[in-house]
C-alpha cells in the first residue's frame, strides 16, 4: 500500500497527475484539512521565532511573552483560510498587507522588514515543512512517495504565490527546498528570546487560554496538557535543531512521543476523512471569526 492510498483515500478519489496543486483534490488540501495537521503547530511556531527578524517582530506584539500561544489562535485560522476559502487569494493578499508596516532592528542590530523576500519566505517555508512533517509522523503510511512529495511541494508553492510577494527565494523543487530548509536550520536560526520563552512556557506552564474553552477547564487539564504539549512541540522539531540549541529531549520523552504518534496513526482510521475535515475547518472558522481583529497587536 502506498502513501497515496492513505493520503487520498480510494484510488478513484486521488488527484490525477497535473491536477490543480491547491484545489479540493490536492494533497495540500488533504493534509492541511486533516486534524492531525494541528499537531506540528508548536514546532512550526518555534522555527519561525528562531529566525531573528520574525522573532523580533512577534516579540513586539502586545502581551506576547505573557501568552505566546495566543499568537497561534489568532494567526492559524486566517492562514488556513488562504487555502480553503473561495476567496483564498484575496485573503492571502490581505495578510501580506498586514505586514507592510512591520519593520525594525533585530536583537543583533540588523535591520529587517517583514516583507523582505527571505523573511516572508521563511515564514511560509515552515508551513511547507509543517505539511511534510504531519504526513511523516502522523499518517499511517509514513514517508510520502517521490511523486507525492513533488505534488505536495507544488501545492505549497502555489499557496505561497497567493500572497503576491517575490518568488525569488522559492526553491524550484522539493529536493532544493530540503537543502534550503536544512541550511536555514543549520546556519541562520538563533535561540531568540521569544523562542526561549516559548520553550520555557511549554516546559513549565503549558498552554494558555484557548478560544471557547473555559479557563477553569484549562487549569484543570494543565498537568496533562503541559506534558502532551511539550511532547508535541519539542518532539516535532527537526532533530538537528534540538541538538544545535541544546533543547532538552530525553530518551524516555522520545519513547513517549513515538507511542503517542503510533496511537494517532492507528486511531485516525476511526473518523471518516470528510467528517474530520469538516470538523477541523468549522472549528478554525469559528476561532478565526472570534480573533480576526487581533491577528497583529503592536505595542501602543
C-alpha atoms as a PDB file:
ATOM      1  CA  UNK A   1       0.000   0.000   0.000  1.00  0.00           C
ATOM      2  CA  UNK A   2       1.416   3.384  -0.990  1.00  0.00           C
ATOM      3  CA  UNK A   3       1.385   6.746   0.762  1.00  0.00           C
ATOM      4  CA  UNK A   4      -1.169   7.944  -1.748  1.00  0.00           C
ATOM      5  CA  UNK A   5      -3.585   5.227  -0.659  1.00  0.00           C
ATOM      6  CA  UNK A   6      -3.590   6.669   2.851  1.00  0.00           C
ATOM      7  CA  UNK A   7      -3.375  10.326   1.915  1.00  0.00           C
ATOM      8  CA  UNK A   8      -6.014  10.400  -0.787  1.00  0.00           C
ATOM      9  CA  UNK A   9      -8.430   7.642   0.111  1.00  0.00           C
ATOM     10  CA  UNK A  10      -9.752   5.237  -2.550  1.00  0.00           C
ATOM     11  CA  UNK A  11      -7.970   5.071  -5.885  1.00  0.00           C
ATOM     12  CA  UNK A  12     -10.767   6.880  -7.741  1.00  0.00           C
ATOM     13  CA  UNK A  13     -10.530   9.745  -5.219  1.00  0.00           C
ATOM     14  CA  UNK A  14      -6.903  10.532  -5.890  1.00  0.00           C
ATOM     15  CA  UNK A  15      -5.980  13.697  -7.783  1.00  0.00           C
ATOM     16  CA  UNK A  16      -4.784  12.954 -11.273  1.00  0.00           C
ATOM     17  CA  UNK A  17      -1.251  13.973 -12.265  1.00  0.00           C
ATOM     18  CA  UNK A  18      -1.242  17.594 -13.331  1.00  0.00           C
ATOM     19  CA  UNK A  19      -4.415  18.453 -11.397  1.00  0.00           C
ATOM     20  CA  UNK A  20      -4.773  21.742  -9.519  1.00  0.00           C
ATOM     21  CA  UNK A  21      -1.945  21.716  -6.919  1.00  0.00           C
ATOM     22  CA  UNK A  22      -4.072  23.674  -4.431  1.00  0.00           C
ATOM     23  CA  UNK A  23      -7.596  22.539  -5.325  1.00  0.00           C
ATOM     24  CA  UNK A  24     -10.054  20.376  -3.354  1.00  0.00           C
ATOM     25  CA  UNK A  25      -8.489  17.143  -4.646  1.00  0.00           C
ATOM     26  CA  UNK A  26      -4.904  18.185  -3.982  1.00  0.00           C
ATOM     27  CA  UNK A  27      -2.537  16.690  -1.444  1.00  0.00           C
ATOM     28  CA  UNK A  28      -2.246  20.105   0.184  1.00  0.00           C
ATOM     29  CA  UNK A  29      -5.995  20.106   0.903  1.00  0.00           C
ATOM     30  CA  UNK A  30      -5.813  16.511   2.073  1.00  0.00           C
ATOM     31  CA  UNK A  31      -3.074  17.128   4.652  1.00  0.00           C
ATOM     32  CA  UNK A  32      -3.851  20.696   5.757  1.00  0.00           C
ATOM     33  CA  UNK A  33      -7.508  19.707   6.128  1.00  0.00           C
ATOM     34  CA  UNK A  34      -6.772  16.801   8.458  1.00  0.00           C
ATOM     35  CA  UNK A  35      -6.993  17.346  12.211  1.00  0.00           C
ATOM     36  CA  UNK A  36      -3.532  15.810  12.577  1.00  0.00           C
ATOM     37  CA  UNK A  37      -2.143  18.884  10.828  1.00  0.00           C
ATOM     38  CA  UNK A  38      -2.706  20.782  14.082  1.00  0.00           C
ATOM     39  CA  UNK A  39      -0.047  18.739  15.861  1.00  0.00           C
ATOM     40  CA  UNK A  40       3.216  20.232  14.483  1.00  0.00           C
ATOM     41  CA  UNK A  41       1.905  23.780  15.046  1.00  0.00           C
ATOM     42  CA  UNK A  42       4.002  24.451  18.129  1.00  0.00           C
ATOM     43  CA  UNK A  43       7.195  23.313  16.405  1.00  0.00           C
ATOM     44  CA  UNK A  44       6.339  25.432  13.360  1.00  0.00           C
ATOM     45  CA  UNK A  45       5.899  28.465  15.585  1.00  0.00           C
ATOM     46  CA  UNK A  46       9.246  27.819  17.280  1.00  0.00           C
ATOM     47  CA  UNK A  47      11.032  27.586  13.917  1.00  0.00           C
ATOM     48  CA  UNK A  48       9.554  30.959  12.986  1.00  0.00           C
ATOM     49  CA  UNK A  49      10.567  32.533  16.284  1.00  0.00           C
ATOM     50  CA  UNK A  50      14.127  31.258  15.857  1.00  0.00           C
ATOM     51  CA  UNK A  51      14.533  33.370  12.730  1.00  0.00           C
ATOM     52  CA  UNK A  52      15.630  36.721  14.219  1.00  0.00           C
ATOM     53  CA  UNK A  53      13.519  39.106  12.093  1.00  0.00           C
ATOM     54  CA  UNK A  54      10.380  37.088  12.786  1.00  0.00           C
ATOM     55  CA  UNK A  55      11.229  36.617  16.449  1.00  0.00           C
ATOM     56  CA  UNK A  56      11.740  40.351  16.892  1.00  0.00           C
ATOM     57  CA  UNK A  57       8.530  41.271  15.085  1.00  0.00           C
ATOM     58  CA  UNK A  58       6.455  38.792  17.048  1.00  0.00           C
ATOM     59  CA  UNK A  59       8.011  39.860  20.362  1.00  0.00           C
ATOM     60  CA  UNK A  60       6.659  43.354  19.750  1.00  0.00           C
ATOM     61  CA  UNK A  61       3.088  42.061  19.822  1.00  0.00           C
ATOM     62  CA  UNK A  62       1.241  43.200  22.911  1.00  0.00           C
ATOM     63  CA  UNK A  63       1.377  40.543  25.598  1.00  0.00           C
ATOM     64  CA  UNK A  64       3.442  38.031  23.605  1.00  0.00           C
ATOM     65  CA  UNK A  65       5.696  36.987  26.475  1.00  0.00           C
ATOM     66  CA  UNK A  66       2.680  36.504  28.728  1.00  0.00           C
ATOM     67  CA  UNK A  67       0.736  34.417  26.204  1.00  0.00           C
ATOM     68  CA  UNK A  68       2.895  33.288  23.266  1.00  0.00           C
ATOM     69  CA  UNK A  69       0.421  30.584  22.303  1.00  0.00           C
ATOM     70  CA  UNK A  70      -2.279  33.192  21.773  1.00  0.00           C
ATOM     71  CA  UNK A  71      -0.486  34.125  18.581  1.00  0.00           C
ATOM     72  CA  UNK A  72      -1.295  30.674  17.198  1.00  0.00           C
ATOM     73  CA  UNK A  73      -5.012  31.069  17.856  1.00  0.00           C
ATOM     74  CA  UNK A  74      -5.013  34.475  16.188  1.00  0.00           C
ATOM     75  CA  UNK A  75      -2.991  33.519  13.110  1.00  0.00           C
ATOM     76  CA  UNK A  76      -3.534  29.919  12.038  1.00  0.00           C
ATOM     77  CA  UNK A  77      -7.257  30.184  11.166  1.00  0.00           C
ATOM     78  CA  UNK A  78      -6.557  33.142   8.902  1.00  0.00           C
ATOM     79  CA  UNK A  79      -3.600  31.403   7.216  1.00  0.00           C
ATOM     80  CA  UNK A  80      -5.520  28.155   6.667  1.00  0.00           C
ATOM     81  CA  UNK A  81      -8.341  30.210   5.127  1.00  0.00           C
ATOM     82  CA  UNK A  82      -5.977  31.195   2.308  1.00  0.00           C
ATOM     83  CA  UNK A  83      -6.039  27.519   1.286  1.00  0.00           C
ATOM     84  CA  UNK A  84      -9.659  26.532   1.832  1.00  0.00           C
ATOM     85  CA  UNK A  85     -11.881  29.571   1.425  1.00  0.00           C
ATOM     86  CA  UNK A  86     -13.177  30.557  -2.041  1.00  0.00           C
ATOM     87  CA  UNK A  87     -11.556  33.977  -1.656  1.00  0.00           C
ATOM     88  CA  UNK A  88      -8.249  32.457  -0.507  1.00  0.00           C
ATOM     89  CA  UNK A  89      -6.045  34.564  -2.825  1.00  0.00           C
ATOM     90  CA  UNK A  90      -7.701  37.782  -1.642  1.00  0.00           C
ATOM     91  CA  UNK A  91      -7.271  36.734   1.994  1.00  0.00           C
ATOM     92  CA  UNK A  92      -3.610  35.965   1.341  1.00  0.00           C
ATOM     93  CA  UNK A  93      -3.018  39.443  -0.051  1.00  0.00           C
ATOM     94  CA  UNK A  94      -4.733  40.982   2.970  1.00  0.00           C
ATOM     95  CA  UNK A  95      -2.371  39.026   5.224  1.00  0.00           C
ATOM     96  CA  UNK A  96       0.542  40.312   3.154  1.00  0.00           C
ATOM     97  CA  UNK A  97      -0.688  43.876   3.558  1.00  0.00           C
ATOM     98  CA  UNK A  98      -0.874  43.464   7.337  1.00  0.00           C
ATOM     99  CA  UNK A  99       2.920  43.201   7.215  1.00  0.00           C
ATOM    100  CA  UNK A 100       3.570  46.400   5.260  1.00  0.00           C
ATOM    101  CA  UNK A 101       4.465  48.398   8.349  1.00  0.00           C
ATOM    102  CA  UNK A 102       6.277  45.684  10.288  1.00  0.00           C
ATOM    103  CA  UNK A 103       9.965  46.566  10.316  1.00  0.00           C
ATOM    104  CA  UNK A 104      12.720  47.346  12.752  1.00  0.00           C
ATOM    105  CA  UNK A 105      16.050  46.152  14.096  1.00  0.00           C
ATOM    106  CA  UNK A 106      16.558  42.635  15.400  1.00  0.00           C
ATOM    107  CA  UNK A 107      18.458  41.583  18.511  1.00  0.00           C
ATOM    108  CA  UNK A 108      21.792  41.674  16.656  1.00  0.00           C
ATOM    109  CA  UNK A 109      21.209  45.178  15.282  1.00  0.00           C
ATOM    110  CA  UNK A 110      20.243  44.047  11.782  1.00  0.00           C
ATOM    111  CA  UNK A 111      17.501  45.997  10.073  1.00  0.00           C
ATOM    112  CA  UNK A 112      14.564  43.989   8.722  1.00  0.00           C
ATOM    113  CA  UNK A 113      11.178  44.332   7.086  1.00  0.00           C
ATOM    114  CA  UNK A 114       8.509  41.639   7.315  1.00  0.00           C
ATOM    115  CA  UNK A 115       8.141  41.672   3.521  1.00  0.00           C
ATOM    116  CA  UNK A 116      11.823  41.146   2.842  1.00  0.00           C
ATOM    117  CA  UNK A 117      11.666  38.194   0.418  1.00  0.00           C
ATOM    118  CA  UNK A 118      13.747  35.803   2.504  1.00  0.00           C
ATOM    119  CA  UNK A 119      11.950  36.694   5.745  1.00  0.00           C
ATOM    120  CA  UNK A 120       8.468  36.263   4.293  1.00  0.00           C
ATOM    121  CA  UNK A 121       9.508  33.065   2.527  1.00  0.00           C
ATOM    122  CA  UNK A 122      10.946  31.529   5.696  1.00  0.00           C
ATOM    123  CA  UNK A 123       7.628  32.047   7.480  1.00  0.00           C
ATOM    124  CA  UNK A 124       5.930  30.129   4.673  1.00  0.00           C
ATOM    125  CA  UNK A 125       8.739  27.560   4.434  1.00  0.00           C
ATOM    126  CA  UNK A 126       7.954  26.489   7.986  1.00  0.00           C
ATOM    127  CA  UNK A 127       4.377  25.746   6.899  1.00  0.00           C
ATOM    128  CA  UNK A 128       5.668  23.808   3.892  1.00  0.00           C
ATOM    129  CA  UNK A 129       7.803  21.773   6.302  1.00  0.00           C
ATOM    130  CA  UNK A 130       4.732  21.509   8.549  1.00  0.00           C
ATOM    131  CA  UNK A 131       2.772  19.638   5.856  1.00  0.00           C
ATOM    132  CA  UNK A 132       5.537  17.143   5.210  1.00  0.00           C
ATOM    133  CA  UNK A 133       6.158  16.676   8.931  1.00  0.00           C
ATOM    134  CA  UNK A 134       2.468  15.940   9.522  1.00  0.00           C
ATOM    135  CA  UNK A 135       2.491  13.176   6.926  1.00  0.00           C
ATOM    136  CA  UNK A 136       5.829  11.806   8.078  1.00  0.00           C
ATOM    137  CA  UNK A 137       4.885  11.490  11.737  1.00  0.00           C
ATOM    138  CA  UNK A 138       1.132  11.044  11.909  1.00  0.00           C
ATOM    139  CA  UNK A 139      -0.108   9.404   8.692  1.00  0.00           C
ATOM    140  CA  UNK A 140      -0.079   5.586   8.645  1.00  0.00           C
ATOM    141  CA  UNK A 141       1.992   5.149   5.519  1.00  0.00           C
ATOM    142  CA  UNK A 142       4.935   7.138   6.844  1.00  0.00           C
ATOM    143  CA  UNK A 143       7.052   8.780   4.170  1.00  0.00           C
ATOM    144  CA  UNK A 144       5.395  10.097   1.022  1.00  0.00           C
ATOM    145  CA  UNK A 145       6.396   8.668  -2.336  1.00  0.00           C
ATOM    146  CA  UNK A 146       8.647  10.797  -4.535  1.00  0.00           C
ATOM    147  CA  UNK A 147       5.679  11.674  -6.745  1.00  0.00           C
ATOM    148  CA  UNK A 148       3.630  12.627  -3.665  1.00  0.00           C
ATOM    149  CA  UNK A 149       6.403  14.882  -2.414  1.00  0.00           C
ATOM    150  CA  UNK A 150       6.605  16.667  -5.745  1.00  0.00           C
ATOM    151  CA  UNK A 151       2.829  17.172  -5.857  1.00  0.00           C
ATOM    152  CA  UNK A 152       2.641  18.388  -2.281  1.00  0.00           C
ATOM    153  CA  UNK A 153       5.550  20.774  -2.750  1.00  0.00           C
ATOM    154  CA  UNK A 154       3.921  22.176  -5.907  1.00  0.00           C
ATOM    155  CA  UNK A 155       0.835  22.832  -3.798  1.00  0.00           C
ATOM    156  CA  UNK A 156       2.801  24.763  -1.193  1.00  0.00           C
ATOM    157  CA  UNK A 157       4.416  26.878  -3.923  1.00  0.00           C
ATOM    158  CA  UNK A 158       1.001  27.678  -5.413  1.00  0.00           C
ATOM    159  CA  UNK A 159      -0.139  28.549  -1.899  1.00  0.00           C
ATOM    160  CA  UNK A 160       2.795  30.930  -1.427  1.00  0.00           C
ATOM    161  CA  UNK A 161       2.116  32.574  -4.784  1.00  0.00           C
ATOM    162  CA  UNK A 162      -1.275  33.672  -3.467  1.00  0.00           C
ATOM    163  CA  UNK A 163       0.423  36.219  -1.212  1.00  0.00           C
ATOM    164  CA  UNK A 164       1.674  38.172  -4.218  1.00  0.00           C
ATOM    165  CA  UNK A 165       5.224  38.633  -2.929  1.00  0.00           C
ATOM    166  CA  UNK A 166       8.587  37.952  -4.546  1.00  0.00           C
ATOM    167  CA  UNK A 167       9.052  34.339  -5.655  1.00  0.00           C
ATOM    168  CA  UNK A 168      12.829  34.791  -5.840  1.00  0.00           C
ATOM    169  CA  UNK A 169      13.710  32.788  -2.699  1.00  0.00           C
ATOM    170  CA  UNK A 170      11.373  29.879  -3.526  1.00  0.00           C
ATOM    171  CA  UNK A 171      13.323  26.685  -4.310  1.00  0.00           C
ATOM    172  CA  UNK A 172      12.384  25.159  -7.677  1.00  0.00           C
ATOM    173  CA  UNK A 173      11.623  21.642  -6.401  1.00  0.00           C
ATOM    174  CA  UNK A 174      11.301  19.622  -3.229  1.00  0.00           C
ATOM    175  CA  UNK A 175      14.940  18.488  -3.181  1.00  0.00           C
ATOM    176  CA  UNK A 176      16.097  22.097  -3.403  1.00  0.00           C
ATOM    177  CA  UNK A 177      13.618  23.023  -0.694  1.00  0.00           C
ATOM    178  CA  UNK A 178      15.057  20.393   1.640  1.00  0.00           C
ATOM    179  CA  UNK A 179      18.552  21.779   1.063  1.00  0.00           C
ATOM    180  CA  UNK A 180      17.433  25.366   1.695  1.00  0.00           C
ATOM    181  CA  UNK A 181      15.447  24.421   4.782  1.00  0.00           C
ATOM    182  CA  UNK A 182      18.369  22.475   6.247  1.00  0.00           C
ATOM    183  CA  UNK A 183      20.699  25.424   5.564  1.00  0.00           C
ATOM    184  CA  UNK A 184      18.423  27.823   7.430  1.00  0.00           C
ATOM    185  CA  UNK A 185      18.182  25.408  10.365  1.00  0.00           C
ATOM    186  CA  UNK A 186      21.936  24.895  10.464  1.00  0.00           C
ATOM    187  CA  UNK A 187      23.154  28.413   9.820  1.00  0.00           C
ATOM    188  CA  UNK A 188      20.530  31.134  10.171  1.00  0.00           C
ATOM    189  CA  UNK A 189      18.292  30.211  13.067  1.00  0.00           C
ATOM    190  CA  UNK A 190      19.117  31.519  16.534  1.00  0.00           C
ATOM    191  CA  UNK A 191      17.784  30.899  20.013  1.00  0.00           C
ATOM    192  CA  UNK A 192      15.969  34.223  20.191  1.00  0.00           C
ATOM    193  CA  UNK A 193      14.360  35.484  23.383  1.00  0.00           C
ATOM    194  CA  UNK A 194      10.811  34.731  22.109  1.00  0.00           C
ATOM    195  CA  UNK A 195      11.797  31.164  21.164  1.00  0.00           C
ATOM    196  CA  UNK A 196      13.494  30.576  24.506  1.00  0.00           C
ATOM    197  CA  UNK A 197      10.479  31.971  26.378  1.00  0.00           C
ATOM    198  CA  UNK A 198       8.077  29.774  24.408  1.00  0.00           C
ATOM    199  CA  UNK A 199      10.116  26.656  25.187  1.00  0.00           C
ATOM    200  CA  UNK A 200      10.217  27.638  28.855  1.00  0.00           C
ATOM    201  CA  UNK A 201       6.439  28.058  28.927  1.00  0.00           C
ATOM    202  CA  UNK A 202       5.915  24.715  27.194  1.00  0.00           C
ATOM    203  CA  UNK A 203       8.118  23.067  29.810  1.00  0.00           C
ATOM    204  CA  UNK A 204       6.836  24.782  32.934  1.00  0.00           C
ATOM    205  CA  UNK A 205       3.404  26.313  32.376  1.00  0.00           C
ATOM    206  CA  UNK A 206       1.691  24.642  29.439  1.00  0.00           C
ATOM    207  CA  UNK A 207      -0.739  26.329  27.085  1.00  0.00           C
ATOM    208  CA  UNK A 208      -2.681  29.454  27.933  1.00  0.00           C
ATOM    209  CA  UNK A 209      -6.238  30.408  27.094  1.00  0.00           C
ATOM    210  CA  UNK A 210      -7.944  28.639  24.183  1.00  0.00           C
ATOM    211  CA  UNK A 211     -10.900  30.305  22.437  1.00  0.00           C
ATOM    212  CA  UNK A 212     -14.268  28.899  23.567  1.00  0.00           C
ATOM    213  CA  UNK A 213     -12.666  26.734  26.284  1.00  0.00           C
ATOM    214  CA  UNK A 214     -13.407  27.961  29.837  1.00  0.00           C
ATOM    215  CA  UNK A 215     -10.287  28.930  31.763  1.00  0.00           C
ATOM    216  CA  UNK A 216     -11.281  26.593  34.595  1.00  0.00           C
ATOM    217  CA  UNK A 217     -11.097  23.660  32.139  1.00  0.00           C
ATOM    218  CA  UNK A 218      -7.652  24.759  31.005  1.00  0.00           C
ATOM    219  CA  UNK A 219      -6.469  24.944  34.626  1.00  0.00           C
ATOM    220  CA  UNK A 220      -7.913  21.539  35.457  1.00  0.00           C
ATOM    221  CA  UNK A 221      -6.271  19.880  32.485  1.00  0.00           C
ATOM    222  CA  UNK A 222      -2.983  21.779  32.628  1.00  0.00           C
ATOM    223  CA  UNK A 223      -0.830  18.944  34.035  1.00  0.00           C
ATOM    224  CA  UNK A 224      -1.850  16.642  31.177  1.00  0.00           C
ATOM    225  CA  UNK A 225      -1.867  19.386  28.562  1.00  0.00           C
ATOM    226  CA  UNK A 226       1.596  20.564  29.589  1.00  0.00           C
ATOM    227  CA  UNK A 227       3.061  17.101  29.197  1.00  0.00           C
ATOM    228  CA  UNK A 228       1.350  16.451  25.870  1.00  0.00           C
ATOM    229  CA  UNK A 229       2.086  19.960  24.600  1.00  0.00           C
ATOM    230  CA  UNK A 230       5.762  19.589  25.384  1.00  0.00           C
ATOM    231  CA  UNK A 231       5.920  16.183  23.717  1.00  0.00           C
ATOM    232  CA  UNK A 232       4.303  17.518  20.547  1.00  0.00           C
ATOM    233  CA  UNK A 233       6.030  20.898  20.337  1.00  0.00           C
ATOM    234  CA  UNK A 234       9.542  19.657  21.089  1.00  0.00           C
ATOM    235  CA  UNK A 235       9.107  16.204  19.579  1.00  0.00           C
ATOM    236  CA  UNK A 236       8.049  17.536  16.188  1.00  0.00           C
ATOM    237  CA  UNK A 237      11.073  19.831  15.906  1.00  0.00           C
ATOM    238  CA  UNK A 238      13.796  18.722  13.470  1.00  0.00           C
ATOM    239  CA  UNK A 239      16.341  16.733  15.440  1.00  0.00           C
ATOM    240  CA  UNK A 240      19.275  18.875  14.178  1.00  0.00           C
ATOM    241  CA  UNK A 241      17.553  21.980  15.608  1.00  0.00           C
ATOM    242  CA  UNK A 242      17.092  20.344  19.014  1.00  0.00           C
ATOM    243  CA  UNK A 243      20.733  19.268  19.018  1.00  0.00           C
ATOM    244  CA  UNK A 244      22.119  22.587  17.764  1.00  0.00           C
ATOM    245  CA  UNK A 245      20.437  24.609  20.505  1.00  0.00           C
ATOM    246  CA  UNK A 246      20.694  22.017  23.259  1.00  0.00           C
ATOM    247  CA  UNK A 247      16.921  21.769  23.674  1.00  0.00           C
ATOM    248  CA  UNK A 248      16.267  19.172  26.337  1.00  0.00           C
ATOM    249  CA  UNK A 249      14.825  15.964  24.885  1.00  0.00           C
ATOM    250  CA  UNK A 250      15.332  12.712  26.734  1.00  0.00           C
ATOM    251  CA  UNK A 251      15.173   9.108  25.590  1.00  0.00           C
ATOM    252  CA  UNK A 252      12.012   8.492  27.677  1.00  0.00           C
ATOM    253  CA  UNK A 253      10.403  11.543  26.042  1.00  0.00           C
ATOM    254  CA  UNK A 254      11.225  10.191  22.603  1.00  0.00           C
ATOM    255  CA  UNK A 255       9.690   6.857  23.513  1.00  0.00           C
ATOM    256  CA  UNK A 256       6.509   8.549  24.772  1.00  0.00           C
ATOM    257  CA  UNK A 257       6.366  10.637  21.621  1.00  0.00           C
ATOM    258  CA  UNK A 258       6.743   7.545  19.436  1.00  0.00           C
ATOM    259  CA  UNK A 259       3.945   5.770  21.319  1.00  0.00           C
ATOM    260  CA  UNK A 260       1.687   8.815  21.045  1.00  0.00           C
ATOM    261  CA  UNK A 261       2.341   9.108  17.301  1.00  0.00           C
ATOM    262  CA  UNK A 262       1.591   5.406  16.830  1.00  0.00           C
ATOM    263  CA  UNK A 263      -1.742   5.775  18.640  1.00  0.00           C
ATOM    264  CA  UNK A 264      -2.622   8.792  16.492  1.00  0.00           C
ATOM    265  CA  UNK A 265      -1.769   6.936  13.285  1.00  0.00           C
ATOM    266  CA  UNK A 266      -3.920   3.978  14.305  1.00  0.00           C
ATOM    267  CA  UNK A 267      -6.892   5.901  15.699  1.00  0.00           C
ATOM    268  CA  UNK A 268      -7.178   8.272  12.729  1.00  0.00           C
ATOM    269  CA  UNK A 269      -8.845   5.484  10.766  1.00  0.00           C
ATOM    270  CA  UNK A 270     -11.843   5.639  13.119  1.00  0.00           C
ATOM    271  CA  UNK A 271     -13.035   9.042  11.858  1.00  0.00           C
ATOM    272  CA  UNK A 272     -14.200   9.405   8.230  1.00  0.00           C
ATOM    273  CA  UNK A 273     -11.882  11.727   6.343  1.00  0.00           C
ATOM    274  CA  UNK A 274     -14.552  14.158   5.160  1.00  0.00           C
ATOM    275  CA  UNK A 275     -16.080  14.404   8.630  1.00  0.00           C
ATOM    276  CA  UNK A 276     -12.675  15.063  10.145  1.00  0.00           C
ATOM    277  CA  UNK A 277     -12.020  17.832   7.609  1.00  0.00           C
ATOM    278  CA  UNK A 278     -15.433  19.403   8.202  1.00  0.00           C
ATOM    279  CA  UNK A 279     -14.886  19.422  11.971  1.00  0.00           C
ATOM    280  CA  UNK A 280     -11.420  20.964  11.650  1.00  0.00           C
ATOM    281  CA  UNK A 281     -12.434  23.700   9.220  1.00  0.00           C
ATOM    282  CA  UNK A 282     -15.593  24.515  11.175  1.00  0.00           C
ATOM    283  CA  UNK A 283     -13.538  24.975  14.317  1.00  0.00           C
ATOM    284  CA  UNK A 284     -10.952  27.116  12.526  1.00  0.00           C
ATOM    285  CA  UNK A 285     -13.666  29.329  11.047  1.00  0.00           C
ATOM    286  CA  UNK A 286     -15.233  29.827  14.467  1.00  0.00           C
ATOM    287  CA  UNK A 287     -11.903  30.688  16.094  1.00  0.00           C
ATOM    288  CA  UNK A 288     -10.939  32.892  13.150  1.00  0.00           C
ATOM    289  CA  UNK A 289     -14.149  34.881  13.378  1.00  0.00           C
ATOM    290  CA  UNK A 290     -13.528  35.496  17.076  1.00  0.00           C
ATOM    291  CA  UNK A 291      -9.857  36.502  16.729  1.00  0.00           C
ATOM    292  CA  UNK A 292      -9.664  38.072  13.252  1.00  0.00           C
ATOM    293  CA  UNK A 293      -9.286  41.644  14.507  1.00  0.00           C
ATOM    294  CA  UNK A 294      -6.423  40.700  16.858  1.00  0.00           C
ATOM    295  CA  UNK A 295      -4.068  38.940  14.463  1.00  0.00           C
ATOM    296  CA  UNK A 296      -1.347  41.531  14.995  1.00  0.00           C
ATOM    297  CA  UNK A 297      -1.445  43.698  18.066  1.00  0.00           C
ATOM    298  CA  UNK A 298       1.544  46.088  18.177  1.00  0.00           C
ATOM    299  CA  UNK A 299       2.507  47.817  21.362  1.00  0.00           C
ATOM    300  CA  UNK A 300       0.922  51.234  21.817  1.00  0.00           C
END
